[in-house]
Amino acid sequence: MVVMGHVDHGKTSLLDAIRSADVASGEHGGITQSIGAYQVTVNGEPESTVNLITFIDTPGHLAFTKMRSHGAKVADIAVLVVAANDSVMPQTVESIKIIQDAKIPFVVAINKMDLPEANFDKVVQDLLKHGVLLENYGGDVPFIKVSAKKKEGIKELLELLDLMWEMQEIKSDPAATLEAIVIESKLDKNRGPIASVVVRNGTLRAGQKIYIDAVESKIRGLFNYLQKPITEALPGTPVEIIGLAKVPPTGAAVSNTLIAQEIPENKRALATNPVENQLNVVIKADTLGSLEAILASLPTNVTVLEAGVGDVNANDILTAKNTKSIVLGFNNSINPAARNLMETEKVLVRTYKIIYELLDEISDAAAGMLEINQVETLGKGQILAEFPFNGLKIAGTKVLEGRLARGDLIKLMRGKDTTVGESKVKSVRLGREEITKVEAGKECGVLLDPQLDFLPGDILEAFKKY
């Protein structure tokens, strides 16, 4: 089953209710930014007595169109989530098209029915405008009214999905030739290339030799959606693979025999030389799916000099230096060597946790509305306590990333979006000793000039202007 719909319509919250988990609260900005796959049993019965249902949770933001299509490609049935207070929105329409193109049956889960502004009739009419006719309203598309927050309608939804699966008479054979599809991939700095796949047919086994886009690998380990090691994955099972020779493209076929496969092309070709009058960038993302989404959504006058998966490293900084580019990181980190090099080479690196913030800022920069090359973040620290000092106050601070140093320009942040003010680091103290700089992971006292009205929990962000 693939769960699709508009951003913030409750796709992950619906899965939370099904799994009695709390995934949504841990997401950046309240949106799913990679594909997750989970298994549940109808009515919570033992696995031996009922069918397991595998859910694929897909991102709702516009940038993740390709990732959503991968989810639909691997699924037998789709769940279209529509919020009763918002009704049909742009990504709802897009999801309908993906489902229709994939030619798979689907059910509509009308979520947030507990809200006073819920308008079921509007949802019915809006779906009708886009060719979705619900049962009892002139069509044959089944629907369930649900409230993920109150866990209402969840049992009925699972029973409906189980019934639809039985009616489809979907056949799979654990003894057949292996057929699986990559729904997400990434480069882990400790475990190497990793792929999340769903097995369609056959059996995937630890130690097995596999081929992804004609690249041979030997599986060193299999992990289920709970990150527990397993020895084999049967049809319908979502699993994470380690031991791959390279990071595979999302949507790629996994087989235990070498067959001719078409390698998907990036929707944006990477430039080999910088282009005048354009914004040149180097992009690193946490997963290949995220990277594809970013590349597909960049403005036309943004030239990508290099793109890849993993943390920002020294090579990225040198590439940006030589091509007069900026470095963009999504949901990843800047390694220590790269951080030192970006300071000495004066290369701007910006990292983001929410994709639409990255895209909005780059769009502004490409349009000449944002002077993105003027500011560089040097480090961040969280204020833990306040100490009096000669009629002033010192901020007892723990450095979270980068460093804080004497002479740094400082932005005082409160909460996610509030800037209290800007100042400068007059001195940095370690106990009674005044020092020049404090690195990440250590605590210190910071004296600001001019003084700012800080509170414990506030963030000190050190930056440099060019």
Protein backbone atom coordinates (compact mmCIF):
# COMPACT_ATOMS: atom_id res chain seq x y z
CA MET A 1 0.00 0.00 0.00
CA VAL A 2 1.29 3.46 -0.82
CA VAL A 3 0.03 6.45 1.18
CA MET A 4 -0.18 9.63 -0.88
CA GLY A 5 -1.59 13.14 -0.67
CA HIS A 6 -0.89 16.82 -0.04
CA VAL A 7 1.60 18.08 2.52
CA ASP A 8 0.23 18.28 6.08
CA HIS A 9 -2.93 16.32 5.25
CA GLY A 10 -1.97 13.66 7.78
CA LYS A 11 -0.36 10.82 5.81
CA THR A 12 2.31 10.08 8.40
CA SER A 13 -0.06 10.80 11.27
CA LEU A 14 -2.40 8.20 9.81
CA LEU A 15 0.44 5.69 9.81
CA ASP A 16 1.27 6.74 13.37
CA ALA A 17 -2.26 5.87 14.38
CA ILE A 18 -2.03 2.53 12.59
CA ARG A 19 1.35 1.67 14.08
CA SER A 20 0.75 3.42 17.42
CA ALA A 21 4.06 5.16 16.76
CA ASP A 22 5.05 8.80 16.76
CA VAL A 23 6.95 9.42 13.56
CA ALA A 24 5.36 12.72 12.57
CA SER A 25 6.54 14.68 15.59
CA GLY A 26 10.14 13.88 14.71
CA GLU A 27 9.96 15.24 11.18
CA HIS A 28 11.52 18.55 10.22
CA GLY A 29 8.82 21.10 9.55
CA GLY A 30 6.06 18.51 9.90
CA ILE A 31 6.65 16.94 6.47
CA THR A 32 7.96 13.55 5.42
CA GLN A 33 11.12 14.08 3.39
CA SER A 34 12.01 10.51 2.44
CA ILE A 35 10.06 7.37 1.75
CA GLY A 36 9.50 5.13 4.75
CA ALA A 37 8.03 1.63 4.59
CA TYR A 38 6.28 -0.08 7.47
CA GLN A 39 4.37 -3.31 8.12
CA VAL A 40 1.26 -3.79 10.24
CA THR A 41 -1.21 -6.59 10.87
CA VAL A 42 -4.97 -6.19 10.61
CA ASN A 43 -6.52 -5.83 14.09
CA GLY A 44 -3.07 -6.38 15.61
CA GLU A 45 -3.49 -10.14 15.26
CA PRO A 46 -0.47 -12.48 15.22
CA GLU A 47 1.28 -12.52 11.86
CA SER A 48 0.52 -16.20 11.38
CA THR A 49 -3.26 -15.67 11.31
CA VAL A 50 -3.67 -12.61 9.09
CA ASN A 51 -2.10 -10.87 6.14
CA LEU A 52 0.67 -8.40 6.76
CA ILE A 53 0.04 -5.02 5.14
CA THR A 54 3.08 -3.06 3.97
CA PHE A 55 2.63 0.72 3.88
CA ILE A 56 4.88 3.09 1.93
CA ASP A 57 4.77 6.64 3.28
CA THR A 58 5.54 9.22 0.60
CA PRO A 59 6.47 12.91 0.95
CA GLY A 60 3.74 15.42 0.19
CA HIS A 61 5.77 18.46 -0.81
CA LEU A 62 5.72 19.41 -4.49
CA ALA A 63 9.46 18.78 -4.86
CA PHE A 64 9.06 15.06 -4.19
CA THR A 65 6.99 14.13 -7.27
CA LYS A 66 9.48 11.55 -8.49
CA MET A 67 9.72 9.89 -5.09
CA ARG A 68 5.94 9.61 -4.89
CA SER A 69 5.86 7.96 -8.31
CA HIS A 70 8.41 5.38 -7.08
CA GLY A 71 6.07 4.60 -4.19
CA ALA A 72 3.11 4.11 -6.51
CA LYS A 73 5.19 1.93 -8.84
CA VAL A 74 5.88 -0.64 -6.14
CA ALA A 75 2.43 -0.68 -4.52
CA ASP A 76 -0.61 -2.85 -5.24
CA ILE A 77 -3.12 -0.48 -3.66
CA ALA A 78 -2.95 3.26 -2.90
CA VAL A 79 -4.41 5.26 -0.02
CA LEU A 80 -5.17 8.84 -1.04
CA VAL A 81 -5.29 11.01 2.10
CA VAL A 82 -7.39 14.18 1.86
CA ALA A 83 -7.81 16.53 4.82
CA ALA A 84 -11.46 17.38 5.39
CA ASN A 85 -10.61 20.96 6.35
CA ASP A 86 -8.42 21.66 3.28
CA SER A 87 -10.09 19.41 0.68
CA VAL A 88 -8.30 18.84 -2.64
CA MET A 89 -4.95 20.65 -2.93
CA PRO A 90 -2.20 20.75 -5.61
CA GLN A 91 -0.37 17.64 -4.46
CA THR A 92 -3.70 15.83 -4.06
CA VAL A 93 -4.32 16.40 -7.76
CA GLU A 94 -0.79 15.27 -8.59
CA SER A 95 -1.21 12.14 -6.46
CA ILE A 96 -4.46 11.29 -8.26
CA LYS A 97 -2.64 11.49 -11.60
CA ILE A 98 0.23 9.28 -10.35
CA ILE A 99 -2.24 6.68 -9.05
CA GLN A 100 -4.19 6.73 -12.31
CA ASP A 101 -1.00 6.44 -14.40
CA ALA A 102 0.12 3.50 -12.26
CA LYS A 103 -3.30 1.88 -12.87
CA ILE A 104 -3.66 0.65 -9.29
CA PRO A 105 -6.88 0.58 -7.22
CA PHE A 106 -7.15 3.09 -4.39
CA VAL A 107 -9.18 4.13 -1.40
CA VAL A 108 -9.71 7.69 -0.19
CA ALA A 109 -9.04 8.31 3.51
CA ILE A 110 -10.78 11.57 4.42
CA ASN A 111 -8.76 12.68 7.42
CA LYS A 112 -9.24 15.32 10.14
CA MET A 113 -12.97 14.68 10.34
CA ASP A 114 -12.76 15.63 14.02
CA LEU A 115 -12.07 19.29 13.20
CA PRO A 116 -15.00 21.75 13.42
CA GLU A 117 -14.10 23.14 9.98
CA ALA A 118 -14.24 19.71 8.33
CA ASN A 119 -16.37 19.81 5.16
CA PHE A 120 -17.04 16.34 3.79
CA ASP A 121 -19.40 17.53 1.05
CA LYS A 122 -16.74 19.87 -0.35
CA VAL A 123 -14.24 17.01 -0.46
CA VAL A 124 -16.73 14.90 -2.44
CA GLN A 125 -17.37 17.72 -4.93
CA ASP A 126 -13.70 18.64 -5.30
CA LEU A 127 -12.70 15.02 -5.93
CA LEU A 128 -15.45 14.78 -8.54
CA LYS A 129 -13.89 17.72 -10.43
CA HIS A 130 -10.73 15.63 -10.80
CA GLY A 131 -12.38 12.43 -11.92
CA VAL A 132 -12.61 10.67 -8.55
CA LEU A 133 -16.18 9.49 -7.94
CA LEU A 134 -16.75 8.06 -4.46
CA GLU A 135 -18.99 5.11 -3.67
CA ASN A 136 -22.60 6.16 -2.97
CA TYR A 137 -21.88 9.43 -4.76
CA GLY A 138 -22.05 8.23 -8.34
CA GLY A 139 -18.81 6.27 -8.44
CA ASP A 140 -16.98 3.16 -7.30
CA VAL A 141 -13.99 4.54 -5.37
CA PRO A 142 -14.26 3.40 -1.73
CA PHE A 143 -13.66 5.89 1.07
CA ILE A 144 -13.34 5.97 4.84
CA LYS A 145 -13.84 8.94 7.16
CA VAL A 146 -10.98 8.99 9.67
CA SER A 147 -9.36 11.04 12.38
CA ALA A 148 -5.70 10.08 12.74
CA LYS A 149 -5.44 12.28 15.82
CA LYS A 150 -8.29 10.49 17.63
CA LYS A 151 -7.58 7.12 15.96
CA GLU A 152 -11.12 6.95 14.60
CA GLY A 153 -11.85 4.91 11.47
CA ILE A 154 -8.46 3.17 11.57
CA LYS A 155 -9.83 -0.34 12.09
CA GLU A 156 -12.35 0.14 9.27
CA LEU A 157 -9.61 1.39 6.93
CA LEU A 158 -7.41 -1.65 7.57
CA GLU A 159 -10.32 -4.03 7.07
CA LEU A 160 -11.22 -2.30 3.78
CA LEU A 161 -7.63 -2.53 2.55
CA ASP A 162 -7.46 -6.21 3.49
CA LEU A 163 -10.67 -6.83 1.57
CA MET A 164 -9.41 -4.93 -1.48
CA TRP A 165 -6.19 -6.96 -1.42
CA GLU A 166 -8.12 -10.23 -1.36
CA MET A 167 -10.36 -9.09 -4.23
CA GLN A 168 -7.29 -8.21 -6.34
CA GLU A 169 -6.13 -11.82 -6.04
CA ILE A 170 -2.53 -10.63 -6.07
CA LYS A 171 -0.14 -13.55 -6.46
CA SER A 172 3.49 -13.72 -5.40
CA ASP A 173 5.92 -16.61 -5.15
CA PRO A 174 8.84 -16.68 -2.69
CA ALA A 175 10.53 -19.25 -4.95
CA ALA A 176 10.29 -17.11 -8.09
CA THR A 177 13.08 -15.02 -9.62
CA LEU A 178 13.81 -12.05 -7.41
CA GLU A 179 11.98 -8.83 -8.24
CA ALA A 180 12.41 -5.82 -5.95
CA ILE A 181 12.50 -2.06 -6.36
CA VAL A 182 14.61 0.63 -4.69
CA ILE A 183 12.40 3.20 -2.98
CA GLU A 184 15.21 5.15 -1.32
CA SER A 185 19.00 5.14 -1.13
CA LYS A 186 21.77 6.98 0.67
CA LEU A 187 25.45 6.92 1.57
CA ASP A 188 26.07 6.22 5.25
CA LYS A 189 29.50 7.31 6.50
CA ASN A 190 29.79 4.17 8.64
CA ARG A 191 27.95 1.51 6.63
CA GLY A 192 28.53 2.72 3.06
CA PRO A 193 25.85 2.68 0.30
CA ILE A 194 22.42 1.70 1.61
CA ALA A 195 19.15 1.04 -0.23
CA SER A 196 15.61 0.66 1.05
CA VAL A 197 13.74 -1.79 -1.17
CA VAL A 198 10.40 -3.55 -1.29
CA VAL A 199 10.37 -7.14 -2.54
CA ARG A 200 7.73 -7.74 -5.23
CA ASN A 201 8.47 -11.39 -5.97
CA GLY A 202 10.98 -14.02 -4.98
CA THR A 203 13.11 -13.84 -1.84
CA LEU A 204 15.94 -11.52 -0.89
CA ARG A 205 18.56 -13.19 1.34
CA ALA A 206 21.58 -12.04 3.33
CA GLY A 207 24.78 -13.08 1.56
CA GLN A 208 23.02 -13.16 -1.81
CA LYS A 209 24.55 -11.71 -4.97
CA ILE A 210 22.27 -9.09 -6.57
CA TYR A 211 22.32 -6.70 -9.51
CA ILE A 212 20.97 -3.15 -9.51
CA ASP A 213 21.25 -1.40 -12.88
CA ALA A 214 23.84 -3.99 -13.97
CA VAL A 215 26.02 -3.25 -10.89
CA GLU A 216 26.86 -6.38 -8.94
CA SER A 217 26.79 -6.36 -5.14
CA LYS A 218 26.78 -8.93 -2.37
CA ILE A 219 24.34 -8.32 0.47
CA ARG A 220 26.21 -8.04 3.78
CA GLY A 221 23.11 -7.42 5.85
CA LEU A 222 19.32 -7.07 5.72
CA PHE A 223 17.33 -5.01 8.22
CA ASN A 224 13.56 -4.73 8.57
CA TYR A 225 11.69 -1.46 9.03
CA LEU A 226 12.38 -1.64 12.78
CA GLN A 227 16.13 -1.78 11.98
CA LYS A 228 16.36 -5.34 13.27
CA PRO A 229 18.64 -7.74 11.32
CA ILE A 230 16.85 -10.45 9.34
CA THR A 231 18.10 -13.30 7.15
CA GLU A 232 15.55 -13.05 4.34
CA ALA A 233 12.78 -10.86 2.96
CA LEU A 234 9.70 -12.44 1.34
CA PRO A 235 7.35 -10.77 -1.20
CA GLY A 236 5.78 -7.58 0.13
CA THR A 237 8.52 -7.02 2.70
CA PRO A 238 10.26 -3.64 3.04
CA VAL A 239 13.93 -4.06 3.87
CA GLU A 240 17.17 -2.10 4.09
CA ILE A 241 20.23 -3.52 2.31
CA ILE A 242 23.89 -2.92 3.18
CA GLY A 243 26.91 -4.13 1.23
CA LEU A 244 26.16 -2.38 -2.06
CA ALA A 245 28.92 -1.44 -4.49
CA LYS A 246 27.44 2.04 -5.05
CA VAL A 247 24.42 4.13 -4.16
CA PRO A 248 21.66 2.96 -6.55
CA PRO A 249 19.10 5.28 -8.15
CA THR A 250 15.61 5.31 -6.65
CA GLY A 251 13.14 3.36 -8.74
CA ALA A 252 15.85 0.93 -9.89
CA ALA A 253 15.07 -2.79 -10.24
CA VAL A 254 16.81 -5.32 -7.99
CA SER A 255 17.42 -8.79 -9.41
CA ASN A 256 19.52 -11.87 -8.69
CA THR A 257 20.32 -12.23 -12.37
CA LEU A 258 22.18 -9.85 -14.65
CA ILE A 259 19.70 -8.30 -17.06
CA ALA A 260 19.77 -5.24 -19.28
CA GLN A 261 18.35 -2.32 -17.37
CA GLU A 262 17.76 1.25 -18.30
CA ILE A 263 19.47 3.63 -15.90
CA PRO A 264 17.19 6.60 -15.18
CA GLU A 265 18.57 9.94 -16.30
CA ASN A 266 18.67 12.87 -13.94
CA LYS A 267 15.96 15.36 -14.73
CA ARG A 268 18.66 18.01 -14.71
CA ALA A 269 22.02 17.49 -16.42
CA LEU A 270 24.97 18.60 -14.35
CA ALA A 271 27.09 21.33 -15.92
CA THR A 272 30.81 20.76 -16.48
CA ASN A 273 31.75 24.44 -16.50
CA PRO A 274 30.39 27.46 -14.67
CA VAL A 275 27.95 29.59 -16.64
CA GLU A 276 28.10 33.36 -16.59
CA ASN A 277 25.14 35.29 -15.14
CA GLN A 278 23.85 32.21 -13.35
CA LEU A 279 23.97 31.01 -9.76
CA ASN A 280 26.46 28.12 -9.58
CA VAL A 281 25.95 25.52 -6.85
CA VAL A 282 27.35 22.28 -5.46
CA ILE A 283 24.64 20.16 -3.83
CA LYS A 284 24.95 17.37 -1.26
CA ALA A 285 21.89 15.61 0.20
CA ASP A 286 21.24 12.83 2.68
CA THR A 287 19.59 10.49 0.18
CA LEU A 288 19.39 10.08 -3.57
CA GLY A 289 15.63 10.57 -3.48
CA SER A 290 16.06 13.94 -1.76
CA LEU A 291 18.77 14.90 -4.25
CA GLU A 292 16.54 14.04 -7.20
CA ALA A 293 13.74 16.13 -5.73
CA ILE A 294 16.03 19.14 -5.29
CA LEU A 295 17.55 18.87 -8.77
CA ALA A 296 14.12 18.61 -10.35
CA SER A 297 12.87 21.74 -8.58
CA LEU A 298 15.74 24.23 -9.05
CA PRO A 299 15.17 27.40 -11.10
CA THR A 300 16.40 27.22 -14.70
CA ASN A 301 19.15 29.77 -14.10
CA VAL A 302 20.78 27.70 -11.35
CA THR A 303 23.73 25.68 -12.66
CA VAL A 304 24.67 22.54 -10.73
CA LEU A 305 28.43 21.98 -10.95
CA GLU A 306 28.40 18.84 -8.83
CA ALA A 307 25.82 16.85 -6.88
CA GLY A 308 26.03 13.83 -4.64
CA VAL A 309 24.88 11.97 -1.53
CA GLY A 310 26.51 12.26 1.89
CA ASP A 311 28.00 14.94 4.12
CA VAL A 312 29.65 18.07 2.73
CA ASN A 313 33.37 17.25 2.39
CA ALA A 314 36.63 18.98 1.46
CA ASN A 315 36.30 18.06 -2.22
CA ASP A 316 32.96 19.86 -2.34
CA ILE A 317 34.59 22.99 -0.91
CA LEU A 318 37.45 22.88 -3.42
CA THR A 319 35.02 22.38 -6.31
CA ALA A 320 33.00 25.35 -5.15
CA LYS A 321 36.16 27.44 -4.73
CA ASN A 322 37.41 26.67 -8.24
CA THR A 323 34.03 27.26 -9.90
CA LYS A 324 32.87 30.24 -7.82
CA SER A 325 29.93 28.26 -6.49
CA ILE A 326 28.07 28.03 -3.21
CA VAL A 327 27.54 24.69 -1.46
CA LEU A 328 24.06 23.57 -0.46
CA GLY A 329 23.57 20.74 2.02
CA PHE A 330 20.23 19.08 2.70
CA ASN A 331 19.60 17.10 5.89
CA ASN A 332 23.30 16.39 6.35
CA SER A 333 26.41 17.77 8.06
CA ILE A 334 29.65 19.55 7.18
CA ASN A 335 32.61 17.37 8.13
CA PRO A 336 35.47 18.95 10.11
CA ALA A 337 37.92 19.11 7.19
CA ALA A 338 35.33 20.83 5.03
CA ARG A 339 34.47 23.29 7.79
CA ASN A 340 38.11 24.31 8.21
CA LEU A 341 38.56 24.64 4.45
CA MET A 342 35.42 26.73 3.94
CA GLU A 343 36.78 29.25 6.42
CA THR A 344 40.24 29.52 4.87
CA GLU A 345 38.96 29.50 1.27
CA LYS A 346 35.97 31.74 2.05
CA VAL A 347 33.44 29.37 0.45
CA LEU A 348 29.81 29.81 1.48
CA VAL A 349 28.07 26.64 2.67
CA ARG A 350 24.43 26.56 3.66
CA THR A 351 22.64 23.53 5.11
CA TYR A 352 18.91 22.99 5.40
CA LYS A 353 16.53 20.61 7.16
CA ILE A 354 13.40 21.55 5.22
CA ILE A 355 13.40 21.29 1.44
CA TYR A 356 11.08 24.19 0.68
CA GLU A 357 13.32 26.53 2.69
CA LEU A 358 16.26 25.50 0.51
CA LEU A 359 14.26 25.94 -2.70
CA ASP A 360 12.70 29.25 -1.66
CA GLU A 361 16.06 30.76 -0.73
CA ILE A 362 17.78 29.55 -3.89
CA SER A 363 14.89 30.86 -6.00
CA ASP A 364 15.28 34.27 -4.35
CA ALA A 365 19.02 34.19 -4.90
CA ALA A 366 18.66 33.21 -8.55
CA ALA A 367 16.18 36.04 -9.05
CA GLY A 368 18.64 38.53 -7.56
CA MET A 369 16.40 39.12 -4.54
CA LEU A 370 18.83 37.66 -2.01
CA GLU A 371 22.52 38.45 -1.68
CA ILE A 372 23.36 34.92 -0.67
CA ASN A 373 27.13 35.33 -0.92
CA GLN A 374 27.34 37.87 1.90
CA VAL A 375 26.81 35.75 5.03
CA GLU A 376 28.61 32.64 6.33
CA THR A 377 27.58 30.76 9.47
CA LEU A 378 30.62 29.96 11.62
CA GLY A 379 29.05 28.16 14.56
CA LYS A 380 26.10 27.84 16.90
CA GLY A 381 25.77 27.60 20.66
CA GLN A 382 22.86 27.19 23.06
CA ILE A 383 22.63 29.42 26.13
CA LEU A 384 22.31 27.28 29.26
CA ALA A 385 22.49 29.90 32.02
CA GLU A 386 23.11 33.58 32.86
CA PHE A 387 25.97 34.77 35.10
CA PRO A 388 26.52 38.32 36.44
CA PHE A 389 29.84 40.03 35.63
CA ASN A 390 30.74 43.62 36.61
CA GLY A 391 27.18 44.82 36.16
CA LEU A 392 26.86 42.92 32.87
CA LYS A 393 25.78 39.36 32.20
CA ILE A 394 27.65 36.45 30.68
CA ALA A 395 25.87 33.76 28.67
CA GLY A 396 26.85 30.29 29.84
CA THR A 397 26.87 28.54 26.48
CA LYS A 398 27.37 25.06 25.02
CA VAL A 399 28.77 25.12 21.48
CA LEU A 400 26.57 22.90 19.32
CA GLU A 401 28.37 23.11 15.98
CA GLY A 402 31.33 24.89 14.45
CA ARG A 403 32.92 27.25 16.98
CA LEU A 404 32.40 30.51 18.84
CA ALA A 405 35.31 32.96 18.88
CA ARG A 406 36.22 36.40 20.17
CA GLY A 407 35.29 39.03 17.62
CA ASP A 408 32.50 36.99 15.96
CA LEU A 409 29.35 38.74 14.86
CA ILE A 410 26.45 37.11 16.69
CA LYS A 411 22.77 36.68 15.93
CA LEU A 412 20.60 35.85 18.97
CA MET A 413 17.81 33.45 17.98
CA ARG A 414 14.78 32.54 20.09
CA GLY A 415 12.69 29.62 18.93
CA LYS A 416 12.70 28.61 15.30
CA ASP A 417 12.15 31.92 13.53
CA THR A 418 12.62 34.83 15.99
CA THR A 419 15.76 36.97 15.83
CA VAL A 420 16.14 38.88 19.11
CA GLY A 421 19.06 40.99 17.89
CA GLU A 422 22.65 41.10 16.68
CA SER A 423 25.82 41.79 18.63
CA LYS A 424 29.51 40.90 18.80
CA VAL A 425 31.50 38.52 21.00
CA LYS A 426 33.61 40.71 23.25
CA SER A 427 35.23 37.85 25.14
CA VAL A 428 35.06 34.09 25.57
CA ARG A 429 35.85 32.59 28.97
CA LEU A 430 36.61 29.10 30.19
CA GLY A 431 36.17 29.41 33.94
CA ARG A 432 38.17 32.52 34.87
CA GLU A 433 40.47 32.22 31.89
CA GLU A 434 39.82 34.30 28.79
CA ILE A 435 40.37 32.31 25.59
CA THR A 436 40.17 32.99 21.86
CA LYS A 437 37.91 30.21 20.56
CA VAL A 438 35.74 27.30 21.75
CA GLU A 439 34.97 24.30 19.55
CA ALA A 440 31.79 22.22 19.26
CA GLY A 441 30.91 20.07 22.27
CA LYS A 442 32.48 22.38 24.88
CA GLU A 443 30.96 24.90 27.26
CA CYS A 444 32.10 28.48 27.82
CA GLY A 445 31.03 31.92 28.97
CA VAL A 446 30.26 34.47 26.25
CA LEU A 447 30.23 38.21 26.86
CA LEU A 448 28.39 40.22 24.21
CA ASP A 449 28.90 43.87 23.32
CA PRO A 450 26.39 45.40 23.04
CA GLN A 451 24.46 43.39 25.57
CA LEU A 452 21.36 41.52 24.43
CA ASP A 453 18.40 40.39 26.52
CA PHE A 454 19.03 36.65 26.22
CA LEU A 455 17.27 33.77 27.96
CA PRO A 456 18.32 30.17 28.67
CA GLY A 457 17.49 28.10 25.61
CA ASP A 458 18.29 30.90 23.13
CA ILE A 459 20.75 30.18 20.31
CA LEU A 460 23.86 32.21 19.59
CA GLU A 461 24.67 32.01 15.87
CA ALA A 462 28.13 33.26 14.88
CA PHE A 463 28.45 34.56 11.34
CA LYS A 464 30.74 36.42 8.97
CA LYS A 465 29.82 38.99 6.36
CA TYR A 466 31.66 39.44 3.07
